[in-house]
Protein backbone atom coordinates (compact mmCIF):
# COMPACT_ATOMS: atom_id res chain seq x y z
CA MET A 1 0.01 0.04 -0.04
CA ASP A 2 1.40 3.39 -0.99
CA ARG A 3 0.29 5.88 1.43
CA PRO A 4 1.89 8.01 4.35
CA PHE A 5 2.31 6.47 7.51
CA ILE A 6 0.73 9.63 9.17
CA ASP A 7 -2.74 8.34 7.81
CA TYR A 8 -2.41 5.23 10.18
CA ILE A 9 -1.62 7.66 13.02
CA LYS A 10 -4.58 9.63 12.29
CA CYS A 11 -6.68 6.53 12.50
CA VAL A 12 -5.70 5.88 16.05
CA GLY A 13 -4.72 9.21 17.44
CA THR A 14 -7.33 11.97 16.56
CA GLY A 15 -9.71 11.32 19.37
CA ALA A 16 -12.84 9.25 20.25
CA LYS A 17 -14.91 10.95 17.61
CA HIS A 18 -12.58 10.46 14.74
CA ASN A 19 -10.55 7.46 15.59
CA ARG A 20 -11.40 4.26 13.72
CA ASP A 21 -10.26 0.57 13.49
CA LEU A 22 -7.69 -0.10 10.72
CA THR A 23 -8.72 -2.59 8.25
CA TYR A 24 -6.71 -5.92 8.12
CA GLU A 25 -4.59 -4.98 5.19
CA GLU A 26 -3.96 -1.37 6.67
CA MET A 27 -2.78 -2.85 9.96
CA ARG A 28 -0.64 -5.44 8.29
CA ASP A 29 0.99 -2.72 6.23
CA ALA A 30 1.42 -0.43 9.34
CA MET A 31 3.07 -3.25 11.33
CA HIS A 32 5.35 -4.23 8.40
CA ARG A 33 6.38 -0.44 8.25
CA MET A 34 7.20 -0.42 11.89
CA LEU A 35 9.18 -3.45 11.71
CA ASN A 36 11.23 -2.51 8.66
CA GLY A 37 11.98 1.05 9.68
CA SER A 38 10.15 2.73 6.99
CA ALA A 39 7.99 4.33 10.03
CA SER A 40 10.33 6.66 11.88
CA PRO A 41 10.87 5.98 15.70
CA GLU A 42 8.58 8.96 16.38
CA GLN A 43 5.88 7.73 14.07
CA THR A 44 6.09 4.19 15.55
CA ALA A 45 5.90 5.52 19.13
CA ALA A 46 2.88 7.79 18.16
CA PHE A 47 1.09 4.91 16.54
CA LEU A 48 1.71 2.44 19.37
CA LEU A 49 0.51 4.91 21.91
CA GLY A 50 -2.57 5.84 19.97
CA TRP A 51 -3.30 2.21 19.15
CA ARG A 52 -3.31 1.28 22.79
CA LEU A 53 -5.77 4.11 23.78
CA LYS A 54 -8.18 3.53 20.91
CA PRO A 55 -8.01 0.51 21.81
CA GLU A 56 -7.10 -2.32 19.58
CA SER A 57 -9.51 -4.52 17.76
CA VAL A 58 -9.12 -8.39 17.35
CA GLU A 59 -8.88 -7.90 13.58
CA GLU A 60 -5.90 -5.40 14.03
CA PHE A 61 -4.14 -7.88 16.34
CA ARG A 62 -4.47 -10.71 13.87
CA ALA A 63 -3.23 -8.55 11.03
CA ALA A 64 -0.22 -7.41 13.12
CA LEU A 65 0.52 -10.79 14.20
CA GLU A 66 0.57 -12.08 10.58
CA ALA A 67 3.10 -9.28 9.75
CA ILE A 68 5.20 -10.56 12.67
CA ASP A 69 4.90 -14.13 11.32
CA GLU A 70 5.92 -13.04 7.95
CA THR A 71 9.19 -11.46 9.25
CA SER A 72 10.02 -14.30 11.77
CA GLU A 73 12.23 -17.37 11.25
CA THR A 74 10.89 -20.70 12.39
CA PHE A 75 12.57 -23.20 14.40
CA PRO A 76 10.33 -26.36 14.43
CA VAL A 77 10.43 -28.51 17.58
CA GLU A 78 9.05 -32.05 17.65
CA ASN A 79 6.13 -32.76 20.00
CA GLY A 80 6.49 -29.33 21.40
CA LEU A 81 4.31 -27.49 23.83
CA GLU A 82 4.58 -23.68 23.78
CA LEU A 83 4.32 -21.45 26.85
CA GLY A 84 3.41 -17.78 26.34
CA TYR A 85 4.93 -15.59 28.98
CA PRO A 86 4.66 -11.90 29.11
CA PHE A 87 7.83 -10.21 27.93
CA ASP A 88 7.59 -7.56 30.88
CA GLY A 89 9.05 -9.94 33.50
CA LYS A 90 7.99 -11.50 36.62
CA ALA A 91 8.20 -9.74 39.94
CA ASP A 92 6.28 -11.43 42.66
CA ASN A 93 7.11 -15.14 42.44
CA PRO A 94 9.71 -17.31 40.72
CA TYR A 95 9.12 -18.90 37.43
CA ILE A 96 7.97 -22.59 37.39
CA PHE A 97 8.98 -23.78 33.98
CA PRO A 98 12.57 -24.83 34.68
CA LEU A 99 11.32 -27.13 37.39
CA ALA A 100 8.25 -28.49 35.60
CA ALA A 101 9.74 -29.07 32.21
CA GLY A 102 11.92 -32.01 33.33
CA MET A 103 8.82 -33.58 34.91
CA VAL A 104 7.22 -33.92 31.35
CA GLU A 105 10.57 -35.07 29.73
CA PRO A 106 9.75 -38.85 30.27
CA PHE A 107 6.61 -38.33 28.08
CA GLY A 108 8.65 -37.32 25.22
CA ILE A 109 7.36 -33.57 25.46
CA ASN A 110 9.66 -30.54 24.57
CA VAL A 111 8.81 -27.43 26.33
CA VAL A 112 9.15 -24.13 24.29
CA VAL A 113 9.51 -20.81 25.87
CA ASN A 114 10.08 -17.43 24.00
CA GLY A 115 11.84 -14.43 25.37
CA GLY A 116 14.05 -11.58 24.87
CA ALA A 117 14.89 -8.08 26.32
CA LEU A 118 12.70 -6.80 29.07
CA GLN A 119 9.58 -4.76 27.67
CA PRO A 120 7.44 -2.31 29.74
CA ALA A 121 5.88 -1.85 32.08
CA LYS A 122 6.03 -4.22 35.08
CA GLY A 123 9.83 -4.79 35.30
CA GLY A 124 11.17 -8.04 36.90
CA ALA A 125 12.92 -11.18 36.01
CA THR A 126 12.43 -12.27 32.38
CA VAL A 127 12.33 -15.63 30.75
CA LYS A 128 15.67 -14.74 29.16
CA ASP A 129 17.13 -14.11 32.73
CA VAL A 130 16.04 -17.43 34.06
CA VAL A 131 17.42 -19.58 31.03
CA GLU A 132 20.71 -17.70 31.05
CA SER A 133 21.04 -17.98 34.80
CA VAL A 134 19.88 -21.44 36.10
CA SER A 135 20.15 -24.99 35.05
CA THR A 136 17.43 -26.12 32.76
CA PRO A 137 16.51 -29.62 31.43
CA ALA A 138 17.38 -31.02 27.99
CA ASN A 139 13.75 -30.88 26.68
CA LEU A 140 13.47 -27.05 27.42
CA ARG A 141 13.84 -24.97 24.28
CA TYR A 142 14.32 -21.33 24.47
CA MET A 143 13.64 -19.15 21.40
CA ASP A 144 15.30 -15.89 21.72
CA ARG A 145 13.58 -13.04 19.80
CA SER A 146 16.75 -11.42 18.77
CA LEU A 147 17.27 -14.49 16.53
CA TYR A 148 13.67 -15.33 15.35
CA ASN A 149 12.61 -11.84 14.69
CA PRO A 150 15.23 -9.24 15.11
CA LYS A 151 13.13 -6.48 13.43
CA LEU A 152 10.60 -6.99 16.28
CA ALA A 153 13.43 -6.99 18.88
CA ALA A 154 14.74 -3.70 17.42
CA LEU A 155 11.43 -1.91 18.52
CA THR A 156 12.57 -2.38 22.24
CA PRO A 157 14.19 1.02 22.69
CA ILE A 158 10.97 2.65 21.35
CA ARG A 159 8.73 0.69 23.62
CA ARG A 160 11.13 1.37 26.73
CA ALA A 161 10.90 5.14 25.82
CA LEU A 162 7.20 4.97 25.83
CA GLY A 163 7.43 3.06 29.27
CA ILE A 164 3.69 1.76 28.94
CA ARG A 165 2.15 -1.45 27.65
CA THR A 166 1.12 -1.50 23.96
CA GLY A 167 -0.79 -3.87 21.80
CA LEU A 168 2.53 -5.59 21.02
CA ASN A 169 2.63 -6.99 24.78
CA THR A 170 -0.44 -9.03 23.82
CA ILE A 171 0.63 -10.54 20.59
CA GLU A 172 4.13 -11.09 21.20
CA ARG A 173 3.59 -13.92 23.82
CA LEU A 174 2.88 -16.71 21.33
CA PRO A 175 4.97 -16.33 18.23
CA GLY A 176 4.26 -19.89 17.19
CA ILE A 177 7.77 -20.26 15.60
CA ALA A 178 8.26 -23.85 16.86
CA GLY A 179 5.30 -25.24 15.25
CA CYS A 180 3.80 -26.60 18.37
CA ASP A 181 0.20 -27.98 18.29
CA THR A 182 -0.54 -26.93 21.96
CA ALA A 183 0.02 -23.71 23.72
CA LEU A 184 -0.74 -22.26 27.23
CA ILE A 185 -1.08 -18.49 27.71
CA GLY A 186 -1.89 -16.55 30.84
CA VAL A 187 -4.58 -13.97 31.15
CA PHE A 188 -5.23 -11.03 33.82
CA HIS A 189 -8.79 -10.37 32.99
CA LYS A 190 -11.53 -12.74 31.92
CA PRO A 191 -12.70 -10.62 28.87
CA TYR A 192 -9.27 -11.27 27.27
CA VAL A 193 -10.16 -15.12 27.20
CA LYS A 194 -12.40 -14.39 24.30
CA LYS A 195 -9.97 -12.15 22.64
CA TYR A 196 -7.05 -14.60 23.04
CA ILE A 197 -9.19 -17.40 21.54
CA GLU A 198 -10.14 -15.04 18.45
CA ILE A 199 -6.40 -14.06 18.03
CA PHE A 200 -4.51 -17.46 18.77
CA GLY A 201 -7.08 -20.22 18.75
CA GLU A 202 -6.90 -21.31 15.27
CA ARG A 203 -3.02 -21.44 15.43
CA TYR A 204 -3.00 -24.39 17.58
CA ARG A 205 -4.89 -27.83 17.91
CA ARG A 206 -5.51 -27.02 21.56
CA LEU A 207 -5.13 -23.64 23.29
CA VAL A 208 -5.25 -23.45 26.95
CA ILE A 209 -5.68 -20.13 28.78
CA VAL A 210 -4.88 -19.76 32.40
CA LYS A 211 -5.79 -17.07 34.87
CA GLY A 212 -2.33 -17.60 36.35
CA ASN A 213 0.18 -15.82 38.56
CA GLU A 214 1.17 -12.46 37.24
CA GLY A 215 -0.42 -12.98 33.85
CA THR A 216 1.52 -16.04 33.28
CA PRO A 217 0.18 -19.52 32.53
CA GLU A 218 1.46 -20.80 35.70
CA ILE A 219 -0.66 -22.06 38.64
CA PHE A 220 0.28 -21.19 42.28
CA GLY A 221 -3.13 -21.22 43.94
CA LYS A 222 -6.78 -21.14 42.86
CA CYS A 223 -7.30 -20.21 39.22
CA ARG A 224 -9.54 -20.64 36.25
CA VAL A 225 -8.59 -22.45 32.99
CA TRP A 226 -10.11 -22.45 29.76
CA VAL A 227 -9.37 -25.01 26.91
CA TYR A 228 -10.15 -24.09 23.42
CA GLU A 229 -10.33 -26.90 20.76
CA ASN A 230 -12.18 -27.77 17.56
CA GLY A 231 -14.26 -24.41 18.15
CA ASP A 232 -15.46 -25.24 21.59
CA THR A 233 -14.34 -23.70 24.94
CA THR A 234 -14.24 -25.67 28.30
CA GLU A 235 -13.81 -23.89 31.56
CA PHE A 236 -12.90 -25.45 34.79
CA ALA A 237 -11.34 -24.38 38.21
CA ILE A 238 -8.01 -25.46 39.79
CA ASP A 239 -7.36 -25.19 43.43
CA SER A 240 -3.76 -26.16 44.28
CA ALA A 241 -4.80 -26.98 47.95
CA SER A 242 -6.83 -29.89 46.82
CA TYR A 243 -3.66 -31.44 45.76
CA GLY A 244 -2.02 -30.81 49.15
CA ILE A 245 -0.04 -27.89 47.90
CA THR A 246 0.67 -25.25 50.67
CA TYR A 247 2.86 -22.74 48.78
CA ARG A 248 2.12 -19.12 49.91
CA LYS A 249 2.28 -16.72 46.89
CA SER A 250 4.13 -13.63 47.40
CA PHE A 251 2.27 -10.21 47.26
CA GLU A 252 5.43 -8.27 47.58
CA ARG A 253 8.19 -7.90 44.95
CA ILE A 254 11.07 -10.27 45.10
CA GLU A 255 14.47 -9.26 43.80
CA ARG A 256 15.69 -10.82 40.65
CA GLU A 257 18.54 -12.86 42.33
CA GLU A 258 16.22 -14.11 45.06
CA GLY A 259 13.78 -15.34 42.43
CA LEU A 260 16.54 -17.16 40.52
CA GLY A 261 17.91 -18.62 43.78
CA MET A 262 14.68 -20.21 44.56
CA LEU A 263 14.91 -22.17 41.31
CA GLU A 264 18.40 -23.41 42.15
CA ASN A 265 17.34 -24.64 45.62
CA PRO A 266 13.49 -25.09 45.25
CA SER A 267 11.53 -25.82 48.39
CA SER A 268 9.34 -28.92 48.79
CA GLU A 269 6.36 -26.41 48.42
CA LEU A 270 7.77 -24.90 45.29
CA MET A 271 8.22 -28.47 43.77
CA GLY A 272 4.51 -29.25 44.49
CA VAL A 273 3.62 -26.18 42.46
CA ALA A 274 5.88 -27.55 39.63
CA ARG A 275 4.20 -30.96 39.78
CA LEU A 276 0.73 -29.41 39.31
CA ASN A 277 1.88 -27.25 36.45
CA ALA A 278 3.50 -30.21 34.85
CA ALA A 279 0.26 -32.12 35.32
CA LEU A 280 -1.62 -29.40 33.44
CA TRP A 281 0.78 -29.54 30.55
CA LEU A 282 0.34 -33.31 30.34
CA TYR A 283 -3.41 -32.79 30.35
CA ALA A 284 -3.22 -29.88 27.71
CA LYS A 285 -1.00 -32.33 25.38
CA GLY A 286 -3.75 -35.05 25.71
CA VAL A 287 -1.23 -37.43 27.40
CA PHE A 288 -3.84 -37.77 30.16
CA ASP A 289 -7.54 -37.43 29.79
CA SER A 290 -7.76 -35.67 33.34
CA LEU A 291 -5.70 -33.27 35.40
CA ASP A 292 -6.19 -35.51 38.40
CA SER A 293 -4.79 -38.62 36.67
CA ALA A 294 -1.87 -36.55 35.20
CA TYR A 295 -1.06 -35.24 38.65
CA ASP A 296 -1.13 -38.70 40.35
CA ARG A 297 1.46 -39.92 37.70
CA ILE A 298 3.66 -37.04 38.21
CA ALA A 299 3.55 -37.48 41.95
CA ALA A 300 4.15 -41.24 41.70
CA ASP A 301 7.14 -40.65 39.58
CA ASP A 302 8.65 -38.37 42.07
């Protein structure tokens, strides 16, 4: 499309009376221009801010994701399970995936996590911090964005200068570059469940959405889970206490080194949390037909 980028900024940045959603092709073109640098840093920042405030439509999200797909390199992983973590870090509790991944290795499952430089706005330890600092099992595959999509990674300074969440925070979590048939993603607010299904649902055989800790797909206490498959959504609740897990979630910020140290020397309570998450992964992949049977098997193997 041959039009000035300012036209796209006007669509999202002229106020409630005059803003409008971009068409699919307009959004795809706008995203490509931000990725290839033909939109200036100032224009990209203006668009991302306006897009967030408008706010974003599902069709725009899907179009932007297609542009990201078209500029990403793929790294297929056999029998992979993709975990969609926020790129803005985790600040209140340690990550669980390094502990849980080894528990599903005997079932032939490779766990895929995506990461890169810290994005706004939470601040905290990132997936990248974890895989670069602690021991991880052989079946954990880390995909760094600087390798699979350096153009998207190059937008980091602009996003940091803005200092707020943008629409990119939503769509970057599941890049799908490993070709996994199953994915888990975390959600903060229930209205986003429908939105995630509309954005990501057709990209996977089974999409599992978890109202997990800090917007991640990790279970620490009580939470709700939605499973989308073949056009249908199933919802159920999980309470870690019913599995005898007594881990107390932190509601205060923990320092990066403290969180990483908890993974190197995990408590028995944290290992219980890891077992429950591993059980959910096995259920998500269809290895077991219920969470309870998956958990019983994991617990027995330990």
